[in-house]
C-alpha atoms as a PDB file:
ATOM      1  CA  UNK A   1      18.388  16.798 -36.310  1.00  0.00           C
ATOM      2  CA  UNK A   2      16.103  19.141 -34.401  1.00  0.00           C
ATOM      3  CA  UNK A   3      15.958  19.333 -30.622  1.00  0.00           C
ATOM      4  CA  UNK A   4      14.213  21.489 -28.061  1.00  0.00           C
ATOM      5  CA  UNK A   5      16.481  23.374 -25.668  1.00  0.00           C
ATOM      6  CA  UNK A   6      14.932  25.788 -23.187  1.00  0.00           C
ATOM      7  CA  UNK A   7      11.697  25.797 -25.186  1.00  0.00           C
ATOM      8  CA  UNK A   8      13.404  26.649 -28.468  1.00  0.00           C
ATOM      9  CA  UNK A   9      14.034  24.474 -31.489  1.00  0.00           C
ATOM     10  CA  UNK A  10      17.753  24.239 -32.238  1.00  0.00           C
ATOM     11  CA  UNK A  11      19.892  22.351 -34.695  1.00  0.00           C
ATOM     12  CA  UNK A  12      19.121  21.737 -38.299  1.00  0.00           C
ATOM     13  CA  UNK A  13      20.648  20.919 -41.616  1.00  0.00           C
ATOM     14  CA  UNK A  14      23.771  22.543 -43.006  1.00  0.00           C
ATOM     15  CA  UNK A  15      22.979  24.906 -45.864  1.00  0.00           C
ATOM     16  CA  UNK A  16      24.731  23.885 -49.108  1.00  0.00           C
ATOM     17  CA  UNK A  17      26.878  26.543 -50.792  1.00  0.00           C
ATOM     18  CA  UNK A  18      24.705  26.423 -53.916  1.00  0.00           C
ATOM     19  CA  UNK A  19      21.609  27.161 -51.807  1.00  0.00           C
ATOM     20  CA  UNK A  20      23.354  30.052 -50.064  1.00  0.00           C
ATOM     21  CA  UNK A  21      24.197  31.601 -53.418  1.00  0.00           C
ATOM     22  CA  UNK A  22      20.730  31.099 -54.914  1.00  0.00           C
ATOM     23  CA  UNK A  23      19.057  32.455 -51.758  1.00  0.00           C
ATOM     24  CA  UNK A  24      20.992  35.699 -51.958  1.00  0.00           C
ATOM     25  CA  UNK A  25      20.168  36.033 -55.672  1.00  0.00           C
ATOM     26  CA  UNK A  26      16.462  35.308 -55.138  1.00  0.00           C
ATOM     27  CA  UNK A  27      16.129  37.833 -52.312  1.00  0.00           C
ATOM     28  CA  UNK A  28      17.994  40.523 -54.259  1.00  0.00           C
ATOM     29  CA  UNK A  29      15.779  39.934 -57.303  1.00  0.00           C
ATOM     30  CA  UNK A  30      12.602  40.165 -55.196  1.00  0.00           C
ATOM     31  CA  UNK A  31      13.832  43.347 -53.535  1.00  0.00           C
ATOM     32  CA  UNK A  32      14.457  44.965 -56.936  1.00  0.00           C
ATOM     33  CA  UNK A  33      11.022  43.857 -58.141  1.00  0.00           C
ATOM     34  CA  UNK A  34       8.885  44.756 -55.101  1.00  0.00           C
ATOM     35  CA  UNK A  35      10.941  46.885 -52.678  1.00  0.00           C
ATOM     36  CA  UNK A  36      12.717  49.724 -54.524  1.00  0.00           C
ATOM     37  CA  UNK A  37      13.330  51.470 -51.181  1.00  0.00           C
ATOM     38  CA  UNK A  38      15.834  48.755 -50.288  1.00  0.00           C
ATOM     39  CA  UNK A  39      19.180  49.634 -51.784  1.00  0.00           C
ATOM     40  CA  UNK A  40      20.585  46.216 -50.856  1.00  0.00           C
ATOM     41  CA  UNK A  41      19.643  42.915 -49.231  1.00  0.00           C
ATOM     42  CA  UNK A  42      22.410  41.394 -47.143  1.00  0.00           C
ATOM     43  CA  UNK A  43      22.372  37.715 -46.198  1.00  0.00           C
ATOM     44  CA  UNK A  44      24.703  36.105 -43.670  1.00  0.00           C
ATOM     45  CA  UNK A  45      24.747  32.467 -42.668  1.00  0.00           C
ATOM     46  CA  UNK A  46      25.314  30.732 -39.375  1.00  0.00           C
ATOM     47  CA  UNK A  47      24.730  27.014 -38.894  1.00  0.00           C
ATOM     48  CA  UNK A  48      21.305  26.212 -40.433  1.00  0.00           C
ATOM     49  CA  UNK A  49      20.142  29.829 -40.470  1.00  0.00           C
ATOM     50  CA  UNK A  50      20.187  32.703 -42.947  1.00  0.00           C
ATOM     51  CA  UNK A  51      19.974  36.172 -41.394  1.00  0.00           C
ATOM     52  CA  UNK A  52      18.583  38.807 -43.749  1.00  0.00           C
ATOM     53  CA  UNK A  53      19.207  42.537 -43.375  1.00  0.00           C
ATOM     54  CA  UNK A  54      17.942  45.328 -45.556  1.00  0.00           C
ATOM     55  CA  UNK A  55      19.816  48.498 -46.390  1.00  0.00           C
ATOM     56  CA  UNK A  56      17.842  51.717 -46.796  1.00  0.00           C
ATOM     57  CA  UNK A  57      20.174  54.573 -47.619  1.00  0.00           C
ATOM     58  CA  UNK A  58      23.046  54.297 -45.142  1.00  0.00           C
ATOM     59  CA  UNK A  59      21.000  52.376 -42.547  1.00  0.00           C
ATOM     60  CA  UNK A  60      21.221  48.585 -42.334  1.00  0.00           C
ATOM     61  CA  UNK A  61      18.314  47.000 -40.471  1.00  0.00           C
ATOM     62  CA  UNK A  62      17.785  43.373 -39.496  1.00  0.00           C
ATOM     63  CA  UNK A  63      14.611  42.034 -41.112  1.00  0.00           C
ATOM     64  CA  UNK A  64      14.228  38.302 -40.511  1.00  0.00           C
ATOM     65  CA  UNK A  65      15.855  34.914 -40.108  1.00  0.00           C
ATOM     66  CA  UNK A  66      15.271  31.838 -42.230  1.00  0.00           C
ATOM     67  CA  UNK A  67      15.717  28.291 -40.925  1.00  0.00           C
ATOM     68  CA  UNK A  68      16.926  25.786 -43.500  1.00  0.00           C
ATOM     69  CA  UNK A  69      15.264  22.377 -43.323  1.00  0.00           C
ATOM     70  CA  UNK A  70      16.599  20.746 -46.457  1.00  0.00           C
ATOM     71  CA  UNK A  71      14.648  22.587 -49.162  1.00  0.00           C
ATOM     72  CA  UNK A  72      15.726  25.719 -51.018  1.00  0.00           C
ATOM     73  CA  UNK A  73      12.077  26.605 -51.675  1.00  0.00           C
ATOM     74  CA  UNK A  74      10.587  26.340 -48.146  1.00  0.00           C
ATOM     75  CA  UNK A  75      12.204  27.814 -45.052  1.00  0.00           C
ATOM     76  CA  UNK A  76      11.139  28.439 -41.465  1.00  0.00           C
ATOM     77  CA  UNK A  77      10.492  32.126 -40.754  1.00  0.00           C
ATOM     78  CA  UNK A  78      11.329  34.315 -37.759  1.00  0.00           C
ATOM     79  CA  UNK A  79      10.820  38.076 -37.842  1.00  0.00           C
ATOM     80  CA  UNK A  80      13.332  40.416 -36.214  1.00  0.00           C
ATOM     81  CA  UNK A  81      11.915  42.193 -33.151  1.00  0.00           C
ATOM     82  CA  UNK A  82      13.683  45.509 -32.723  1.00  0.00           C
ATOM     83  CA  UNK A  83      12.040  45.963 -29.328  1.00  0.00           C
ATOM     84  CA  UNK A  84      13.809  42.836 -28.011  1.00  0.00           C
ATOM     85  CA  UNK A  85      16.803  42.697 -30.382  1.00  0.00           C
ATOM     86  CA  UNK A  86      15.972  39.084 -31.243  1.00  0.00           C
ATOM     87  CA  UNK A  87      14.136  36.891 -33.732  1.00  0.00           C
ATOM     88  CA  UNK A  88      10.682  35.461 -33.032  1.00  0.00           C
ATOM     89  CA  UNK A  89       9.348  32.475 -34.930  1.00  0.00           C
ATOM     90  CA  UNK A  90       6.362  33.897 -36.766  1.00  0.00           C
ATOM     91  CA  UNK A  91       3.529  33.166 -39.142  1.00  0.00           C
ATOM     92  CA  UNK A  92       3.614  34.428 -42.692  1.00  0.00           C
ATOM     93  CA  UNK A  93       0.469  36.096 -44.082  1.00  0.00           C
ATOM     94  CA  UNK A  94      -0.397  32.703 -45.617  1.00  0.00           C
ATOM     95  CA  UNK A  95      -1.024  31.408 -42.085  1.00  0.00           C
ATOM     96  CA  UNK A  96       1.957  29.053 -41.894  1.00  0.00           C
ATOM     97  CA  UNK A  97       5.313  29.420 -40.147  1.00  0.00           C
ATOM     98  CA  UNK A  98       7.350  28.740 -43.236  1.00  0.00           C
ATOM     99  CA  UNK A  99       7.393  29.453 -46.923  1.00  0.00           C
ATOM    100  CA  UNK A 100       9.468  30.869 -49.701  1.00  0.00           C
ATOM    101  CA  UNK A 101      12.256  33.373 -49.057  1.00  0.00           C
ATOM    102  CA  UNK A 102      10.339  35.878 -51.179  1.00  0.00           C
ATOM    103  CA  UNK A 103       7.258  35.553 -48.945  1.00  0.00           C
ATOM    104  CA  UNK A 104       9.449  36.142 -45.903  1.00  0.00           C
ATOM    105  CA  UNK A 105      11.011  39.242 -47.480  1.00  0.00           C
ATOM    106  CA  UNK A 106       7.590  40.636 -48.371  1.00  0.00           C
ATOM    107  CA  UNK A 107       6.265  40.005 -44.872  1.00  0.00           C
ATOM    108  CA  UNK A 108       9.202  41.655 -43.097  1.00  0.00           C
ATOM    109  CA  UNK A 109       9.419  44.584 -45.506  1.00  0.00           C
ATOM    110  CA  UNK A 110       5.679  45.145 -45.213  1.00  0.00           C
ATOM    111  CA  UNK A 111       6.256  45.569 -41.497  1.00  0.00           C
ATOM    112  CA  UNK A 112       9.517  47.517 -41.442  1.00  0.00           C
ATOM    113  CA  UNK A 113       8.969  49.616 -44.569  1.00  0.00           C
ATOM    114  CA  UNK A 114       5.346  50.351 -43.700  1.00  0.00           C
ATOM    115  CA  UNK A 115       3.588  48.733 -46.655  1.00  0.00           C
ATOM    116  CA  UNK A 116       0.960  46.269 -45.410  1.00  0.00           C
ATOM    117  CA  UNK A 117      -0.246  45.707 -48.986  1.00  0.00           C
ATOM    118  CA  UNK A 118       2.538  43.113 -49.069  1.00  0.00           C
ATOM    119  CA  UNK A 119       0.375  40.926 -46.823  1.00  0.00           C
ATOM    120  CA  UNK A 120      -2.616  40.882 -49.171  1.00  0.00           C
ATOM    121  CA  UNK A 121      -3.030  37.652 -51.042  1.00  0.00           C
ATOM    122  CA  UNK A 122      -2.920  38.110 -54.798  1.00  0.00           C
ATOM    123  CA  UNK A 123      -5.378  35.782 -56.489  1.00  0.00           C
END
């Protein structure tokens, strides 16, 4: 169930263990393929959320949060805002507020690793 509390959407669906495992594998594979500057992608789970951090050298930086809504292929997306130390529900370059975990990784890494080519649609 979803509910609005203080203007925010809270609640959600519990993430199955199999989805947690596949999410971590998918994000690590995408990082190896597209983001060689990331030495590791770290995923932690809390309630219906997956929090994704990227490691560059010795530095670990928060990147984004995914909201699980029952599908392993489509997640809600919130980018980490370093200026506020929080997560802001955001649009992906596709124009929607949710998508694949790989799209979310590309969007956040394009921002935090300074490569806006990640936001260009590939036809």
